């Protein structure tokens, strides 16, 4: 089998920071929806 180049399979610099930033934005948006939309409505079914 041929040897693979050493740079193959490595992610670009900053990829983890970008993915982490999107994760934080997603969590903050979910919490905002929960506390400002769903929590004031109260328990479903009552």
C-alpha atoms as a PDB file:
ATOM      1  CA  UNK A   1       0.000   0.000   0.000  1.00  0.00           C
ATOM      2  CA  UNK A   2       1.208   3.507  -0.766  1.00  0.00           C
ATOM      3  CA  UNK A   3       2.187   5.783   2.086  1.00  0.00           C
ATOM      4  CA  UNK A   4      -0.262   8.589   2.773  1.00  0.00           C
ATOM      5  CA  UNK A   5       0.969  12.171   2.873  1.00  0.00           C
ATOM      6  CA  UNK A   6       1.472  13.382   6.472  1.00  0.00           C
ATOM      7  CA  UNK A   7      -0.902  16.350   6.050  1.00  0.00           C
ATOM      8  CA  UNK A   8      -3.807  14.098   5.012  1.00  0.00           C
ATOM      9  CA  UNK A   9      -6.483  13.782   7.696  1.00  0.00           C
ATOM     10  CA  UNK A  10      -5.467  16.878   9.625  1.00  0.00           C
ATOM     11  CA  UNK A  11      -8.045  19.612  10.047  1.00  0.00           C
ATOM     12  CA  UNK A  12      -7.248  23.247   9.271  1.00  0.00           C
ATOM     13  CA  UNK A  13      -6.204  25.465  12.138  1.00  0.00           C
ATOM     14  CA  UNK A  14      -9.141  27.080  13.894  1.00  0.00           C
ATOM     15  CA  UNK A  15     -11.662  24.371  13.000  1.00  0.00           C
ATOM     16  CA  UNK A  16     -12.208  23.434  16.629  1.00  0.00           C
ATOM     17  CA  UNK A  17     -12.746  27.100  17.538  1.00  0.00           C
ATOM     18  CA  UNK A  18     -15.359  27.529  14.781  1.00  0.00           C
ATOM     19  CA  UNK A  19     -17.205  24.346  15.766  1.00  0.00           C
ATOM     20  CA  UNK A  20     -17.095  25.378  19.430  1.00  0.00           C
ATOM     21  CA  UNK A  21     -18.413  28.848  18.586  1.00  0.00           C
ATOM     22  CA  UNK A  22     -21.353  27.384  16.670  1.00  0.00           C
ATOM     23  CA  UNK A  23     -22.031  25.052  19.589  1.00  0.00           C
ATOM     24  CA  UNK A  24     -22.117  27.937  22.056  1.00  0.00           C
ATOM     25  CA  UNK A  25     -24.410  29.962  19.771  1.00  0.00           C
ATOM     26  CA  UNK A  26     -26.752  26.964  19.427  1.00  0.00           C
ATOM     27  CA  UNK A  27     -26.916  26.430  23.200  1.00  0.00           C
ATOM     28  CA  UNK A  28     -27.553  30.126  23.874  1.00  0.00           C
ATOM     29  CA  UNK A  29     -30.313  30.234  21.244  1.00  0.00           C
ATOM     30  CA  UNK A  30     -31.926  27.098  22.685  1.00  0.00           C
ATOM     31  CA  UNK A  31     -31.854  28.532  26.206  1.00  0.00           C
ATOM     32  CA  UNK A  32     -33.321  31.826  24.980  1.00  0.00           C
ATOM     33  CA  UNK A  33     -36.203  29.971  23.313  1.00  0.00           C
ATOM     34  CA  UNK A  34     -36.763  27.894  26.402  1.00  0.00           C
ATOM     35  CA  UNK A  35     -36.824  30.737  28.929  1.00  0.00           C
ATOM     36  CA  UNK A  36     -38.561  33.381  26.789  1.00  0.00           C
ATOM     37  CA  UNK A  37     -41.026  31.225  24.830  1.00  0.00           C
ATOM     38  CA  UNK A  38     -41.750  27.890  26.492  1.00  0.00           C
ATOM     39  CA  UNK A  39     -41.240  28.608  30.205  1.00  0.00           C
ATOM     40  CA  UNK A  40     -43.768  31.485  30.357  1.00  0.00           C
ATOM     41  CA  UNK A  41     -46.438  29.245  28.802  1.00  0.00           C
ATOM     42  CA  UNK A  42     -46.270  26.842  31.705  1.00  0.00           C
ATOM     43  CA  UNK A  43     -46.738  23.081  31.810  1.00  0.00           C
ATOM     44  CA  UNK A  44     -48.345  21.468  28.764  1.00  0.00           C
ATOM     45  CA  UNK A  45     -51.700  19.841  29.447  1.00  0.00           C
ATOM     46  CA  UNK A  46     -52.878  22.039  32.280  1.00  0.00           C
END
